[in-house]
Full PDB file with SEQRES, HELIX, SHEET, SSBOND, CRYST1, ORIGX, SCALE, CONECT and MASTER records, all heavy atoms in Angstrom:
SEQRES   1 A   33  LEU ARG LEU SER CYS VAL ALA SER GLY PHE PRO PHE ARG          
SEQRES   2 A   33  ILE ALA ALA MET ALA TRP TYR ARG GLN ALA PRO GLY LYS          
SEQRES   3 A   33  GLN ARG ASP VAL VAL ALA THR                                  
HELIX    1 AA1 PHE A   12  ILE A   14  5                                   3    
SHEET    1 AA1 2 TRP A  19  ARG A  21  0                                        
SHEET    2 AA1 2 ASP A  29  ALA A  32 -1                                        
CRYST1    1.000    1.000    1.000  90.00  90.00  90.00 P 1           1          
ORIGX1      1.000000  0.000000  0.000000        0.00000                         
ORIGX2      0.000000  1.000000  0.000000        0.00000                         
ORIGX3      0.000000  0.000000  1.000000        0.00000                         
SCALE1      1.000000  0.000000  0.000000        0.00000                         
SCALE2      0.000000  1.000000  0.000000        0.00000                         
SCALE3      0.000000  0.000000  1.000000        0.00000                         
ATOM      1  N   LEU A   1     106.769 131.957 110.425  1.00  0.00           N  
ATOM      2  CA  LEU A   1     107.441 132.446 109.224  1.00  0.00           C  
ATOM      3  C   LEU A   1     106.572 132.089 108.025  1.00  0.00           C  
ATOM      4  O   LEU A   1     105.838 131.090 108.063  1.00  0.00           O  
ATOM      5  CB  LEU A   1     108.825 131.815 109.046  1.00  0.00           C  
ATOM      6  CG  LEU A   1     109.974 132.284 109.920  1.00  0.00           C  
ATOM      7  CD1 LEU A   1     111.194 131.400 109.677  1.00  0.00           C  
ATOM      8  CD2 LEU A   1     110.309 133.740 109.664  1.00  0.00           C  
ATOM      9  N   ARG A   2     106.697 132.882 106.965  1.00  0.00           N  
ATOM     10  CA  ARG A   2     106.045 132.524 105.715  1.00  0.00           C  
ATOM     11  C   ARG A   2     107.095 132.475 104.615  1.00  0.00           C  
ATOM     12  O   ARG A   2     107.754 133.476 104.338  1.00  0.00           O  
ATOM     13  CB  ARG A   2     104.948 133.507 105.328  1.00  0.00           C  
ATOM     14  CG  ARG A   2     104.146 133.015 104.124  1.00  0.00           C  
ATOM     15  CD  ARG A   2     102.989 133.901 103.755  1.00  0.00           C  
ATOM     16  NE  ARG A   2     103.382 135.048 102.946  1.00  0.00           N  
ATOM     17  CZ  ARG A   2     102.585 135.659 102.085  1.00  0.00           C  
ATOM     18  NH1 ARG A   2     101.336 135.236 101.927  1.00  0.00           N  
ATOM     19  NH2 ARG A   2     103.014 136.703 101.407  1.00  0.00           N  
ATOM     20  N   LEU A   3     107.228 131.318 104.020  1.00  0.00           N  
ATOM     21  CA  LEU A   3     108.142 131.136 102.900  1.00  0.00           C  
ATOM     22  C   LEU A   3     107.387 131.381 101.595  1.00  0.00           C  
ATOM     23  O   LEU A   3     106.211 131.042 101.476  1.00  0.00           O  
ATOM     24  CB  LEU A   3     108.721 129.729 102.897  1.00  0.00           C  
ATOM     25  CG  LEU A   3     109.414 129.263 104.174  1.00  0.00           C  
ATOM     26  CD1 LEU A   3     110.002 127.862 103.966  1.00  0.00           C  
ATOM     27  CD2 LEU A   3     110.482 130.236 104.613  1.00  0.00           C  
ATOM     28  N   SER A   4     108.102 131.948 100.642  1.00  0.00           N  
ATOM     29  CA  SER A   4     107.553 132.168  99.310  1.00  0.00           C  
ATOM     30  C   SER A   4     108.486 131.557  98.271  1.00  0.00           C  
ATOM     31  O   SER A   4     109.702 131.511  98.473  1.00  0.00           O  
ATOM     32  CB  SER A   4     107.403 133.670  99.026  1.00  0.00           C  
ATOM     33  OG  SER A   4     106.542 134.291  99.950  1.00  0.00           O  
ATOM     34  N   CYS A   5     107.908 131.127  97.175  1.00  0.00           N  
ATOM     35  CA  CYS A   5     108.689 130.579  96.066  1.00  0.00           C  
ATOM     36  C   CYS A   5     108.070 131.079  94.775  1.00  0.00           C  
ATOM     37  O   CYS A   5     106.923 130.744  94.466  1.00  0.00           O  
ATOM     38  CB  CYS A   5     108.689 129.066  96.124  1.00  0.00           C  
ATOM     39  SG  CYS A   5     109.393 128.269  94.655  1.00  0.00           S  
ATOM     40  N   VAL A   6     108.829 131.881  94.049  1.00  0.00           N  
ATOM     41  CA  VAL A   6     108.372 132.401  92.771  1.00  0.00           C  
ATOM     42  C   VAL A   6     108.947 131.545  91.651  1.00  0.00           C  
ATOM     43  O   VAL A   6     110.163 131.335  91.589  1.00  0.00           O  
ATOM     44  CB  VAL A   6     108.791 133.867  92.591  1.00  0.00           C  
ATOM     45  CG1 VAL A   6     108.302 134.388  91.248  1.00  0.00           C  
ATOM     46  CG2 VAL A   6     108.243 134.726  93.722  1.00  0.00           C  
ATOM     47  N   ALA A   7     108.072 131.054  90.803  1.00  0.00           N  
ATOM     48  CA  ALA A   7     108.470 130.153  89.727  1.00  0.00           C  
ATOM     49  C   ALA A   7     108.397 130.845  88.371  1.00  0.00           C  
ATOM     50  O   ALA A   7     107.576 131.736  88.152  1.00  0.00           O  
ATOM     51  CB  ALA A   7     107.559 128.927  89.723  1.00  0.00           C  
ATOM     52  N   SER A   8     109.254 130.423  87.471  1.00  0.00           N  
ATOM     53  CA  SER A   8     109.217 130.930  86.108  1.00  0.00           C  
ATOM     54  C   SER A   8     109.797 129.870  85.179  1.00  0.00           C  
ATOM     55  O   SER A   8     110.555 128.999  85.603  1.00  0.00           O  
ATOM     56  CB  SER A   8     110.010 132.232  85.992  1.00  0.00           C  
ATOM     57  OG  SER A   8     111.361 132.045  86.345  1.00  0.00           O  
ATOM     58  N   GLY A   9     109.410 129.956  83.902  1.00  0.00           N  
ATOM     59  CA  GLY A   9     109.982 129.065  82.900  1.00  0.00           C  
ATOM     60  C   GLY A   9     109.237 127.774  82.659  1.00  0.00           C  
ATOM     61  O   GLY A   9     109.697 126.944  81.870  1.00  0.00           O  
ATOM     62  N   PHE A  10     108.107 127.581  83.354  1.00  0.00           N  
ATOM     63  CA  PHE A  10     107.295 126.393  83.097  1.00  0.00           C  
ATOM     64  C   PHE A  10     105.843 126.745  83.432  1.00  0.00           C  
ATOM     65  O   PHE A  10     105.577 127.732  84.116  1.00  0.00           O  
ATOM     66  CB  PHE A  10     107.788 125.194  83.916  1.00  0.00           C  
ATOM     67  CG  PHE A  10     107.679 125.343  85.411  1.00  0.00           C  
ATOM     68  CD1 PHE A  10     106.582 124.851  86.099  1.00  0.00           C  
ATOM     69  CD2 PHE A  10     108.678 125.977  86.134  1.00  0.00           C  
ATOM     70  CE1 PHE A  10     106.476 124.979  87.475  1.00  0.00           C  
ATOM     71  CE2 PHE A  10     108.590 126.117  87.516  1.00  0.00           C  
ATOM     72  CZ  PHE A  10     107.482 125.617  88.183  1.00  0.00           C  
ATOM     73  N   PRO A  11     104.885 125.927  82.961  1.00  0.00           N  
ATOM     74  CA  PRO A  11     103.468 126.244  83.168  1.00  0.00           C  
ATOM     75  C   PRO A  11     103.045 126.015  84.612  1.00  0.00           C  
ATOM     76  O   PRO A  11     102.537 124.951  84.972  1.00  0.00           O  
ATOM     77  CB  PRO A  11     102.747 125.325  82.196  1.00  0.00           C  
ATOM     78  CG  PRO A  11     103.688 124.204  81.966  1.00  0.00           C  
ATOM     79  CD  PRO A  11     105.057 124.760  82.053  1.00  0.00           C  
ATOM     80  N   PHE A  12     103.237 127.022  85.430  1.00  0.00           N  
ATOM     81  CA  PHE A  12     103.022 126.913  86.871  1.00  0.00           C  
ATOM     82  C   PHE A  12     101.624 126.420  87.211  1.00  0.00           C  
ATOM     83  O   PHE A  12     101.444 125.609  88.108  1.00  0.00           O  
ATOM     84  CB  PHE A  12     103.276 128.278  87.513  1.00  0.00           C  
ATOM     85  CG  PHE A  12     103.085 128.302  88.999  1.00  0.00           C  
ATOM     86  CD1 PHE A  12     104.108 127.878  89.844  1.00  0.00           C  
ATOM     87  CD2 PHE A  12     101.894 128.736  89.568  1.00  0.00           C  
ATOM     88  CE1 PHE A  12     103.944 127.894  91.213  1.00  0.00           C  
ATOM     89  CE2 PHE A  12     101.724 128.763  90.935  1.00  0.00           C  
ATOM     90  CZ  PHE A  12     102.753 128.337  91.763  1.00  0.00           C  
ATOM     91  N   ARG A  13     100.632 126.886  86.480  1.00  0.00           N  
ATOM     92  CA  ARG A  13      99.239 126.617  86.840  1.00  0.00           C  
ATOM     93  C   ARG A  13      98.946 125.118  86.930  1.00  0.00           C  
ATOM     94  O   ARG A  13      98.129 124.700  87.740  1.00  0.00           O  
ATOM     95  CB  ARG A  13      98.318 127.282  85.816  1.00  0.00           C  
ATOM     96  CG  ARG A  13      96.838 127.187  86.116  1.00  0.00           C  
ATOM     97  CD  ARG A  13      96.046 127.935  85.058  1.00  0.00           C  
ATOM     98  NE  ARG A  13      96.403 129.355  85.028  1.00  0.00           N  
ATOM     99  CZ  ARG A  13      95.848 130.269  85.792  1.00  0.00           C  
ATOM    100  NH1 ARG A  13      94.890 129.934  86.647  1.00  0.00           N  
ATOM    101  NH2 ARG A  13      96.213 131.524  85.697  1.00  0.00           N  
ATOM    102  N   ILE A  14      99.606 124.316  86.103  1.00  0.00           N  
ATOM    103  CA  ILE A  14      99.304 122.889  86.103  1.00  0.00           C  
ATOM    104  C   ILE A  14     100.370 122.064  86.821  1.00  0.00           C  
ATOM    105  O   ILE A  14     100.290 120.834  86.872  1.00  0.00           O  
ATOM    106  CB  ILE A  14      99.123 122.352  84.670  1.00  0.00           C  
ATOM    107  CG1 ILE A  14     100.414 122.511  83.849  1.00  0.00           C  
ATOM    108  CG2 ILE A  14      97.955 123.041  83.986  1.00  0.00           C  
ATOM    109  CD1 ILE A  14     100.330 121.837  82.486  1.00  0.00           C  
ATOM    110  N   ALA A  15     101.353 122.737  87.375  1.00  0.00           N  
ATOM    111  CA  ALA A  15     102.437 122.016  88.050  1.00  0.00           C  
ATOM    112  C   ALA A  15     102.039 121.629  89.469  1.00  0.00           C  
ATOM    113  O   ALA A  15     101.338 122.381  90.161  1.00  0.00           O  
ATOM    114  CB  ALA A  15     103.689 122.882  88.093  1.00  0.00           C  
ATOM    115  N   ALA A  16     102.500 120.482  89.895  1.00  0.00           N  
ATOM    116  CA  ALA A  16     102.409 120.111  91.304  1.00  0.00           C  
ATOM    117  C   ALA A  16     103.571 120.760  92.029  1.00  0.00           C  
ATOM    118  O   ALA A  16     104.719 120.622  91.608  1.00  0.00           O  
ATOM    119  CB  ALA A  16     102.465 118.600  91.460  1.00  0.00           C  
ATOM    120  N   MET A  17     103.278 121.467  93.097  1.00  0.00           N  
ATOM    121  CA  MET A  17     104.313 122.182  93.840  1.00  0.00           C  
ATOM    122  C   MET A  17     104.447 121.591  95.235  1.00  0.00           C  
ATOM    123  O   MET A  17     103.497 121.013  95.784  1.00  0.00           O  
ATOM    124  CB  MET A  17     103.965 123.673  93.938  1.00  0.00           C  
ATOM    125  CG  MET A  17     103.807 124.373  92.593  1.00  0.00           C  
ATOM    126  SD  MET A  17     105.297 124.324  91.576  1.00  0.00           S  
ATOM    127  CE  MET A  17     106.452 125.250  92.615  1.00  0.00           C  
ATOM    128  N   ALA A  18     105.618 121.751  95.791  1.00  0.00           N  
ATOM    129  CA  ALA A  18     105.854 121.172  97.112  1.00  0.00           C  
ATOM    130  C   ALA A  18     106.956 121.925  97.832  1.00  0.00           C  
ATOM    131  O   ALA A  18     107.753 122.632  97.211  1.00  0.00           O  
ATOM    132  CB  ALA A  18     106.238 119.698  96.990  1.00  0.00           C  
ATOM    133  N   TRP A  19     106.961 121.768  99.125  1.00  0.00           N  
ATOM    134  CA  TRP A  19     108.061 122.221  99.962  1.00  0.00           C  
ATOM    135  C   TRP A  19     108.719 120.990 100.589  1.00  0.00           C  
ATOM    136  O   TRP A  19     108.016 120.115 101.117  1.00  0.00           O  
ATOM    137  CB  TRP A  19     107.580 123.166 101.052  1.00  0.00           C  
ATOM    138  CG  TRP A  19     107.218 124.525 100.559  1.00  0.00           C  
ATOM    139  CD1 TRP A  19     105.970 124.973 100.232  1.00  0.00           C  
ATOM    140  CD2 TRP A  19     108.119 125.611 100.331  1.00  0.00           C  
ATOM    141  NE1 TRP A  19     106.030 126.275  99.811  1.00  0.00           N  
ATOM    142  CE2 TRP A  19     107.341 126.690  99.875  1.00  0.00           C  
ATOM    143  CE3 TRP A  19     109.494 125.799 100.493  1.00  0.00           C  
ATOM    144  CZ2 TRP A  19     107.895 127.932  99.553  1.00  0.00           C  
ATOM    145  CZ3 TRP A  19     110.045 127.022 100.172  1.00  0.00           C  
ATOM    146  CH2 TRP A  19     109.250 128.078  99.701  1.00  0.00           C  
ATOM    147  N   TYR A  20     110.041 120.958 100.521  1.00  0.00           N  
ATOM    148  CA  TYR A  20     110.842 119.934 101.166  1.00  0.00           C  
ATOM    149  C   TYR A  20     111.743 120.622 102.190  1.00  0.00           C  
ATOM    150  O   TYR A  20     111.937 121.829 102.149  1.00  0.00           O  
ATOM    151  CB  TYR A  20     111.724 119.215 100.136  1.00  0.00           C  
ATOM    152  CG  TYR A  20     111.024 118.218  99.260  1.00  0.00           C  
ATOM    153  CD1 TYR A  20     110.118 118.626  98.279  1.00  0.00           C  
ATOM    154  CD2 TYR A  20     111.288 116.850  99.371  1.00  0.00           C  
ATOM    155  CE1 TYR A  20     109.489 117.708  97.460  1.00  0.00           C  
ATOM    156  CE2 TYR A  20     110.663 115.929  98.555  1.00  0.00           C  
ATOM    157  CZ  TYR A  20     109.776 116.365  97.609  1.00  0.00           C  
ATOM    158  OH  TYR A  20     109.156 115.436  96.792  1.00  0.00           O  
ATOM    159  N   ARG A  21     112.311 119.834 103.060  1.00  0.00           N  
ATOM    160  CA  ARG A  21     113.313 120.380 103.974  1.00  0.00           C  
ATOM    161  C   ARG A  21     114.403 119.347 104.235  1.00  0.00           C  
ATOM    162  O   ARG A  21     114.169 118.133 104.141  1.00  0.00           O  
ATOM    163  CB  ARG A  21     112.685 120.828 105.294  1.00  0.00           C  
ATOM    164  CG  ARG A  21     112.082 119.724 106.157  1.00  0.00           C  
ATOM    165  CD  ARG A  21     111.374 120.340 107.354  1.00  0.00           C  
ATOM    166  NE  ARG A  21     110.744 119.329 108.201  1.00  0.00           N  
ATOM    167  CZ  ARG A  21     109.942 119.600 109.222  1.00  0.00           C  
ATOM    168  NH1 ARG A  21     109.668 120.874 109.530  1.00  0.00           N  
ATOM    169  NH2 ARG A  21     109.415 118.630 109.942  1.00  0.00           N  
ATOM    170  N   GLN A  22     115.564 119.882 104.549  1.00  0.00           N  
ATOM    171  CA  GLN A  22     116.720 119.020 104.837  1.00  0.00           C  
ATOM    172  C   GLN A  22     117.458 119.578 106.035  1.00  0.00           C  
ATOM    173  O   GLN A  22     118.006 120.691 105.976  1.00  0.00           O  
ATOM    174  CB  GLN A  22     117.645 118.941 103.619  1.00  0.00           C  
ATOM    175  CG  GLN A  22     118.780 117.964 103.784  1.00  0.00           C  
ATOM    176  CD  GLN A  22     119.498 117.686 102.481  1.00  0.00           C  
ATOM    177  OE1 GLN A  22     119.419 118.459 101.524  1.00  0.00           O  
ATOM    178  NE2 GLN A  22     120.196 116.563 102.412  1.00  0.00           N  
ATOM    179  N   ALA A  23     117.456 118.813 107.105  1.00  0.00           N  
ATOM    180  CA  ALA A  23     118.210 119.173 108.302  1.00  0.00           C  
ATOM    181  C   ALA A  23     119.632 118.653 108.165  1.00  0.00           C  
ATOM    182  O   ALA A  23     119.889 117.716 107.399  1.00  0.00           O  
ATOM    183  CB  ALA A  23     117.533 118.592 109.529  1.00  0.00           C  
ATOM    184  N   PRO A  24     120.573 119.218 108.921  1.00  0.00           N  
ATOM    185  CA  PRO A  24     121.967 118.781 108.832  1.00  0.00           C  
ATOM    186  C   PRO A  24     122.100 117.286 109.097  1.00  0.00           C  
ATOM    187  O   PRO A  24     121.558 116.763 110.079  1.00  0.00           O  
ATOM    188  CB  PRO A  24     122.650 119.613 109.916  1.00  0.00           C  
ATOM    189  CG  PRO A  24     121.815 120.826 110.036  1.00  0.00           C  
ATOM    190  CD  PRO A  24     120.418 120.380 109.808  1.00  0.00           C  
ATOM    191  N   GLY A  25     122.776 116.596 108.207  1.00  0.00           N  
ATOM    192  CA  GLY A  25     123.016 115.177 108.375  1.00  0.00           C  
ATOM    193  C   GLY A  25     121.847 114.282 108.044  1.00  0.00           C  
ATOM    194  O   GLY A  25     121.917 113.063 108.261  1.00  0.00           O  
ATOM    195  N   LYS A  26     120.774 114.869 107.525  1.00  0.00           N  
ATOM    196  CA  LYS A  26     119.583 114.082 107.213  1.00  0.00           C  
ATOM    197  C   LYS A  26     119.228 114.217 105.737  1.00  0.00           C  
ATOM    198  O   LYS A  26     119.717 115.096 105.044  1.00  0.00           O  
ATOM    199  CB  LYS A  26     118.410 114.527 108.084  1.00  0.00           C  
ATOM    200  CG  LYS A  26     118.630 114.283 109.566  1.00  0.00           C  
ATOM    201  CD  LYS A  26     117.374 114.549 110.371  1.00  0.00           C  
ATOM    202  CE  LYS A  26     117.573 114.220 111.834  1.00  0.00           C  
ATOM    203  NZ  LYS A  26     116.340 114.448 112.627  1.00  0.00           N  
ATOM    204  N   GLN A  27     118.356 113.330 105.281  1.00  0.00           N  
ATOM    205  CA  GLN A  27     117.954 113.386 103.895  1.00  0.00           C  
ATOM    206  C   GLN A  27     116.899 114.471 103.703  1.00  0.00           C  
ATOM    207  O   GLN A  27     116.307 114.955 104.661  1.00  0.00           O  
ATOM    208  CB  GLN A  27     117.394 112.037 103.459  1.00  0.00           C  
ATOM    209  CG  GLN A  27     116.080 111.642 104.133  1.00  0.00           C  
ATOM    210  CD  GLN A  27     115.580 110.285 103.667  1.00  0.00           C  
ATOM    211  OE1 GLN A  27     116.342 109.455 103.170  1.00  0.00           O  
ATOM    212  NE2 GLN A  27     114.301 110.041 103.821  1.00  0.00           N  
ATOM    213  N   ARG A  28     116.700 114.847 102.469  1.00  0.00           N  
ATOM    214  CA  ARG A  28     115.682 115.825 102.121  1.00  0.00           C  
ATOM    215  C   ARG A  28     114.311 115.132 102.114  1.00  0.00           C  
ATOM    216  O   ARG A  28     114.132 114.134 101.423  1.00  0.00           O  
ATOM    217  CB  ARG A  28     115.979 116.444 100.761  1.00  0.00           C  
ATOM    218  CG  ARG A  28     115.104 117.613 100.406  1.00  0.00           C  
ATOM    219  CD  ARG A  28     115.506 118.215  99.058  1.00  0.00           C  
ATOM    220  NE  ARG A  28     116.880 118.706  99.059  1.00  0.00           N  
ATOM    221  CZ  ARG A  28     117.418 119.372  98.031  1.00  0.00           C  
ATOM    222  NH1 ARG A  28     116.681 119.638  96.958  1.00  0.00           N  
ATOM    223  NH2 ARG A  28     118.679 119.773  98.090  1.00  0.00           N  
ATOM    224  N   ASP A  29     113.373 115.664 102.863  1.00  0.00           N  
ATOM    225  CA  ASP A  29     112.055 115.056 102.982  1.00  0.00           C  
ATOM    226  C   ASP A  29     110.956 116.052 102.610  1.00  0.00           C  
ATOM    227  O   ASP A  29     111.094 117.257 102.850  1.00  0.00           O  
ATOM    228  CB  ASP A  29     111.804 114.584 104.423  1.00  0.00           C  
ATOM    229  CG  ASP A  29     112.657 113.390 104.797  1.00  0.00           C  
ATOM    230  OD1 ASP A  29     112.874 112.516 103.929  1.00  0.00           O  
ATOM    231  OD2 ASP A  29     113.103 113.332 105.964  1.00  0.00           O  
ATOM    232  N   VAL A  30     109.873 115.521 102.094  1.00  0.00           N  
ATOM    233  CA  VAL A  30     108.746 116.372 101.748  1.00  0.00           C  
ATOM    234  C   VAL A  30     108.047 116.866 103.002  1.00  0.00           C  
ATOM    235  O   VAL A  30     107.935 116.147 104.003  1.00  0.00           O  
ATOM    236  CB  VAL A  30     107.753 115.619 100.826  1.00  0.00           C  
ATOM    237  CG1 VAL A  30     107.142 114.441 101.550  1.00  0.00           C  
ATOM    238  CG2 VAL A  30     106.713 116.554 100.258  1.00  0.00           C  
ATOM    239  N   VAL A  31     107.601 118.112 102.951  1.00  0.00           N  
ATOM    240  CA  VAL A  31     106.868 118.722 104.055  1.00  0.00           C  
ATOM    241  C   VAL A  31     105.394 118.883 103.696  1.00  0.00           C  
ATOM    242  O   VAL A  31     104.514 118.523 104.468  1.00  0.00           O  
ATOM    243  CB  VAL A  31     107.462 120.094 104.407  1.00  0.00           C  
ATOM    244  CG1 VAL A  31     106.627 120.796 105.477  1.00  0.00           C  
ATOM    245  CG2 VAL A  31     108.909 119.960 104.856  1.00  0.00           C  
ATOM    246  N   ALA A  32     105.156 119.432 102.508  1.00  0.00           N  
ATOM    247  CA  ALA A  32     103.778 119.697 102.079  1.00  0.00           C  
ATOM    248  C   ALA A  32     103.736 119.760 100.559  1.00  0.00           C  
ATOM    249  O   ALA A  32     104.722 120.166  99.932  1.00  0.00           O  
ATOM    250  CB  ALA A  32     103.265 121.002 102.674  1.00  0.00           C  
ATOM    251  N   THR A  33     102.596 119.357 100.001  1.00  0.00           N  
ATOM    252  CA  THR A  33     102.411 119.405  98.555  1.00  0.00           C  
ATOM    253  C   THR A  33     101.078 120.061  98.220  1.00  0.00           C  
ATOM    254  O   THR A  33     100.128 120.013  99.017  1.00  0.00           O  
ATOM    255  CB  THR A  33     102.436 118.000  97.940  1.00  0.00           C  
ATOM    256  OG1 THR A  33     101.307 117.257  98.405  1.00  0.00           O  
ATOM    257  CG2 THR A  33     103.709 117.256  98.299  1.00  0.00           C  
TER     258      THR A  33                                                      
MASTER        0    0    0    1    2    0    0    6  257    1    0    3          
END                                                                             
């Protein structure tokens, strides 16, 4: 699968971006930055 995230309202070019995930009953954890 390929996930996409379109951002607006802040200076995207200099922002650090990341993907997190949260499984049922678990905390939200970082996947990739």
